[in-house]
Amino acid sequence: MKKKIIGLIPARLKSTRLKEKALLDIKGMPMIVHTMKRAMLSKKLDDVIVCTDNKEIKKEILRFGGKCMMTSKTHKNGTERIAEVAKKINADLYVDIQGDEPLINPNHIDKLISFHQKNKKFDIVVPYLNIKPSKSDKNIVKVVSSKNRVVYFSRSNCPYFFKFGAKYLKKHLSIISFKRKSLIDFAKFKRGYLEKIESIELMRAIENNQLIGTFKLVGDSFSVDVKKNILAARKLMTKDEFYKKYK
């Protein structure tokens, strides 16, 4: 029997850094719709569902032909939100796709799924991109790993290169694959000290001894966090190869 794989996109309207960013317009579509449409281009996902607590987001998703499930308003993060949906829909793997990635590459989603299928020991898998070290950007989460296993996440430039200059750092990508039990267990765990101080929800998995795998992807990644990001997204979308397939 074919193993079922579902893409879950958590979305809320009360964003703090950029007001109501999920519904901001990019080339005639709300940002969250771009993320959904691109996830639907994945060849390995059996279904794509937007998970939200907002009726306005649900209305837009349905208007553009997508699927949506309403969730509780009490969730502290997107992982808790998709876990609520995972309890209702059975699958072997759930791919968490962040709604603020309107330029997400569907090929990256497929490579993530392939890696997790071949490396079943991991509870969770999050890929990374190599980036050049620069002044620390707190919006970019860095991955610290050893032999494809994540040992830490940080918003600082991490690890610290004490004896020689850093050639690159590993940027956390906003697509994450979960086994069913691992996702549901994650939502039951309480927020730990490291998750609170770094404000990175996957630190909760590390603090509770869940195995997180990682691997390198090649390409680009673009998330919308502040106003300059949405302006750039509108410009980049015009020439984007995947946008042409669903516009």
Protein backbone atom coordinates (compact mmCIF):
# COMPACT_ATOMS: atom_id res chain seq x y z
CA MET A 1 0.00 0.00 0.00
CA LYS A 2 1.29 3.46 -0.93
CA LYS A 3 2.33 5.51 2.06
CA LYS A 4 0.31 8.71 2.38
CA ILE A 5 2.10 12.05 2.61
CA ILE A 6 0.27 15.29 3.38
CA GLY A 7 1.46 18.89 3.15
CA LEU A 8 0.12 21.05 6.00
CA ILE A 9 0.41 24.85 5.84
CA PRO A 10 -0.18 26.63 9.16
CA ALA A 11 -1.54 30.14 8.78
CA ARG A 12 -2.76 32.85 11.11
CA LEU A 13 -3.66 36.49 10.58
CA LYS A 14 -2.20 38.05 13.74
CA SER A 15 1.43 38.28 12.62
CA THR A 16 3.55 40.62 14.73
CA ARG A 17 6.29 41.92 12.41
CA LEU A 18 4.13 42.44 9.31
CA LYS A 19 0.41 43.02 9.83
CA GLU A 20 -1.92 40.39 8.32
CA LYS A 21 0.89 39.18 6.04
CA ALA A 22 -0.86 35.93 5.07
CA LEU A 23 -3.36 37.92 3.00
CA LEU A 24 -0.97 40.48 1.52
CA ASP A 25 -1.35 40.68 -2.25
CA ILE A 26 1.31 39.34 -4.61
CA LYS A 27 0.37 39.52 -8.29
CA GLY A 28 -3.35 39.29 -7.57
CA MET A 29 -3.18 36.44 -5.05
CA PRO A 30 -2.83 36.45 -1.24
CA MET A 31 0.62 35.32 -0.11
CA ILE A 32 -0.78 32.18 1.56
CA VAL A 33 -2.36 31.14 -1.75
CA HIS A 34 1.01 31.31 -3.52
CA THR A 35 2.48 28.99 -0.89
CA MET A 36 -0.44 26.58 -1.29
CA LYS A 37 -0.35 26.60 -5.11
CA ARG A 38 3.38 25.90 -5.16
CA ALA A 39 3.05 23.07 -2.63
CA MET A 40 0.42 21.56 -4.91
CA LEU A 41 3.10 21.35 -7.63
CA SER A 42 4.95 18.78 -5.51
CA LYS A 43 5.02 15.33 -7.11
CA LYS A 44 5.22 13.47 -3.79
CA LEU A 45 2.49 15.14 -1.72
CA ASP A 46 -0.87 13.35 -1.84
CA ASP A 47 -2.74 16.35 -0.50
CA VAL A 48 -2.18 19.95 0.65
CA ILE A 49 -4.25 21.51 3.44
CA VAL A 50 -4.08 25.00 4.92
CA CYS A 51 -4.56 24.93 8.71
CA THR A 52 -5.89 28.17 10.15
CA ASP A 53 -7.98 29.73 12.90
CA ASN A 54 -9.11 32.61 10.67
CA LYS A 55 -12.28 32.59 8.55
CA GLU A 56 -10.94 35.23 6.16
CA ILE A 57 -7.94 33.04 5.31
CA LYS A 58 -10.25 30.05 4.84
CA LYS A 59 -12.44 32.08 2.48
CA GLU A 60 -9.46 32.99 0.28
CA ILE A 61 -8.12 29.44 0.21
CA LEU A 62 -11.49 28.08 -0.92
CA ARG A 63 -11.87 30.88 -3.47
CA PHE A 64 -8.64 29.78 -5.13
CA GLY A 65 -9.57 26.09 -5.15
CA GLY A 66 -7.63 24.92 -2.10
CA LYS A 67 -8.44 22.84 0.97
CA CYS A 68 -8.63 24.31 4.46
CA MET A 69 -9.29 23.09 7.99
CA MET A 70 -10.14 25.33 10.91
CA THR A 71 -8.09 24.95 14.09
CA SER A 72 -8.04 26.26 17.64
CA LYS A 73 -6.96 29.85 18.33
CA THR A 74 -4.90 28.77 21.35
CA HIS A 75 -1.90 27.26 19.57
CA LYS A 76 1.45 28.84 20.39
CA ASN A 77 3.05 27.97 17.06
CA GLY A 78 2.49 26.45 13.64
CA THR A 79 3.65 22.98 14.64
CA GLU A 80 0.98 22.73 17.31
CA ARG A 81 -1.57 23.94 14.75
CA ILE A 82 -0.75 21.26 12.17
CA ALA A 83 -0.63 18.60 14.89
CA GLU A 84 -4.32 19.26 15.56
CA VAL A 85 -5.09 18.48 11.91
CA ALA A 86 -2.76 15.46 11.89
CA LYS A 87 -4.83 13.88 14.66
CA LYS A 88 -7.86 14.00 12.36
CA ILE A 89 -6.20 12.88 9.11
CA ASN A 90 -4.06 9.75 9.08
CA ALA A 91 -0.81 9.80 7.08
CA ASP A 92 2.71 8.38 7.28
CA LEU A 93 4.48 11.71 6.86
CA TYR A 94 3.32 15.28 7.33
CA VAL A 95 5.26 18.10 5.71
CA ASP A 96 5.00 21.42 7.54
CA ILE A 97 5.21 24.18 4.91
CA GLN A 98 5.40 27.69 6.31
CA GLY A 99 2.79 30.06 4.89
CA ASP A 100 5.20 32.99 4.63
CA GLU A 101 7.24 31.28 1.88
CA PRO A 102 5.46 32.49 -1.30
CA LEU A 103 8.45 31.44 -3.42
CA ILE A 104 8.82 27.93 -2.00
CA ASN A 105 10.42 25.50 -4.45
CA PRO A 106 8.20 22.38 -4.87
CA ASN A 107 11.29 20.37 -5.83
CA HIS A 108 12.69 21.06 -2.35
CA ILE A 109 9.55 19.52 -0.85
CA ASP A 110 10.04 16.38 -2.93
CA LYS A 111 13.70 16.06 -1.97
CA LEU A 112 12.80 16.45 1.70
CA ILE A 113 10.26 13.63 1.45
CA SER A 114 12.73 11.37 -0.38
CA PHE A 115 15.39 11.93 2.29
CA HIS A 116 13.00 11.14 5.14
CA GLN A 117 11.74 8.00 3.40
CA LYS A 118 15.34 6.77 3.10
CA ASN A 119 16.31 7.84 6.65
CA LYS A 120 13.46 6.47 8.75
CA LYS A 121 15.37 6.66 12.04
CA PHE A 122 14.67 10.39 12.21
CA ASP A 123 11.48 11.61 13.86
CA ILE A 124 11.74 14.94 12.09
CA VAL A 125 13.75 16.20 9.10
CA VAL A 126 14.55 19.82 8.26
CA PRO A 127 16.83 20.67 5.32
CA TYR A 128 19.28 23.56 5.13
CA LEU A 129 20.94 25.85 2.61
CA ASN A 130 24.52 27.07 2.86
CA ILE A 131 24.68 30.83 3.38
CA LYS A 132 27.59 33.22 3.67
CA PRO A 133 28.34 34.45 7.21
CA SER A 134 27.31 38.03 7.74
CA LYS A 135 26.07 40.24 10.51
CA SER A 136 23.67 38.08 12.47
CA ASP A 137 20.09 38.22 11.18
CA LYS A 138 17.75 37.15 13.96
CA ASN A 139 15.08 36.21 11.40
CA ILE A 140 17.36 33.51 9.94
CA VAL A 141 17.55 30.33 12.01
CA LYS A 142 20.89 28.51 11.74
CA VAL A 143 21.28 24.74 11.95
CA VAL A 144 24.13 23.11 13.84
CA SER A 145 24.51 19.48 12.84
CA SER A 146 26.82 16.48 12.97
CA LYS A 147 26.53 13.55 10.51
CA ASN A 148 23.07 14.63 9.31
CA ARG A 149 21.73 14.95 12.85
CA VAL A 150 20.71 18.34 14.22
CA VAL A 151 22.22 19.13 17.61
CA TYR A 152 21.10 22.76 17.95
CA PHE A 153 19.30 25.69 16.31
CA SER A 154 20.13 29.34 16.86
CA ARG A 155 19.26 32.82 15.64
CA SER A 156 22.89 33.81 16.24
CA ASN A 157 25.71 33.00 13.83
CA CYS A 158 26.33 29.49 15.09
CA PRO A 159 28.58 27.56 15.48
CA TYR A 160 31.27 30.06 16.47
CA PHE A 161 34.41 29.69 14.35
CA PHE A 162 37.09 30.27 16.97
CA LYS A 163 40.29 29.28 15.13
CA PHE A 164 39.45 30.10 11.53
CA GLY A 165 36.94 32.09 9.53
CA ALA A 166 33.59 30.58 8.67
CA LYS A 167 33.11 29.71 5.00
CA TYR A 168 29.38 29.19 5.40
CA LEU A 169 26.54 28.69 7.88
CA LYS A 170 23.49 26.44 7.52
CA LYS A 171 20.17 28.19 7.05
CA HIS A 172 17.08 26.38 8.39
CA LEU A 173 14.55 25.91 5.59
CA SER A 174 10.86 26.40 6.31
CA ILE A 175 9.78 22.92 5.24
CA ILE A 176 9.81 20.20 7.88
CA SER A 177 8.87 16.52 7.62
CA PHE A 178 7.33 14.73 10.64
CA LYS A 179 6.43 11.14 11.32
CA ARG A 180 2.87 10.90 12.59
CA LYS A 181 3.67 9.94 16.20
CA SER A 182 6.53 12.43 16.38
CA LEU A 183 4.29 15.33 15.37
CA ILE A 184 1.52 14.42 17.79
CA ASP A 185 4.03 13.87 20.62
CA PHE A 186 5.68 17.22 19.88
CA ALA A 187 2.40 19.05 20.46
CA LYS A 188 2.09 17.40 23.90
CA PHE A 189 5.52 18.53 25.11
CA LYS A 190 5.77 21.71 27.15
CA ARG A 191 7.91 24.62 25.99
CA GLY A 192 11.44 24.21 27.33
CA TYR A 193 14.09 26.69 28.38
CA LEU A 194 16.01 26.60 25.07
CA GLU A 195 12.87 27.01 22.99
CA LYS A 196 11.91 30.06 25.02
CA ILE A 197 15.28 31.85 24.87
CA GLU A 198 15.92 31.16 21.17
CA SER A 199 12.23 31.46 20.19
CA ILE A 200 12.67 28.45 17.88
CA GLU A 201 9.92 25.87 18.24
CA LEU A 202 11.99 22.89 17.03
CA MET A 203 14.24 23.29 20.07
CA ARG A 204 11.35 21.61 21.90
CA ALA A 205 12.03 18.42 19.93
CA ILE A 206 15.72 18.47 20.85
CA GLU A 207 14.92 19.11 24.50
CA ASN A 208 12.67 16.04 24.47
CA ASN A 209 15.17 13.76 22.71
CA GLN A 210 13.42 13.52 19.36
CA LEU A 211 15.86 12.79 16.53
CA ILE A 212 16.03 15.56 13.94
CA GLY A 213 17.76 14.85 10.65
CA THR A 214 19.07 17.36 8.15
CA PHE A 215 20.67 17.51 4.71
CA LYS A 216 21.81 20.16 2.27
CA LEU A 217 19.64 21.54 -0.50
CA VAL A 218 20.86 23.78 -3.29
CA GLY A 219 18.95 26.81 -4.46
CA ASP A 220 17.34 29.75 -2.74
CA SER A 221 14.88 30.42 0.06
CA PHE A 222 12.77 33.48 0.66
CA SER A 223 10.48 34.16 3.61
CA VAL A 224 8.38 37.26 4.18
CA ASP A 225 9.04 38.70 7.63
CA VAL A 226 9.07 42.48 7.16
CA LYS A 227 7.81 45.05 4.63
CA LYS A 228 10.90 45.00 2.43
CA ASN A 229 10.42 41.24 1.98
CA ILE A 230 6.90 41.57 0.53
CA LEU A 231 8.12 44.26 -1.87
CA ALA A 232 10.92 41.96 -3.01
CA ALA A 233 8.53 39.00 -3.36
CA ARG A 234 6.28 40.99 -5.70
CA LYS A 235 9.27 41.81 -7.87
CA LEU A 236 10.74 38.30 -7.89
CA MET A 237 7.41 36.63 -8.63
CA THR A 238 7.20 38.26 -12.06
CA LYS A 239 10.05 36.13 -13.42
CA ASP A 240 9.53 33.03 -11.27
CA GLU A 241 9.37 29.72 -13.20
CA PHE A 242 6.84 28.05 -10.89
CA TYR A 243 4.48 31.04 -10.77
CA LYS A 244 3.97 30.64 -14.51
CA LYS A 245 2.53 27.16 -13.89
CA TYR A 246 -0.33 28.27 -11.66
CA LYS A 247 -1.03 31.94 -12.28
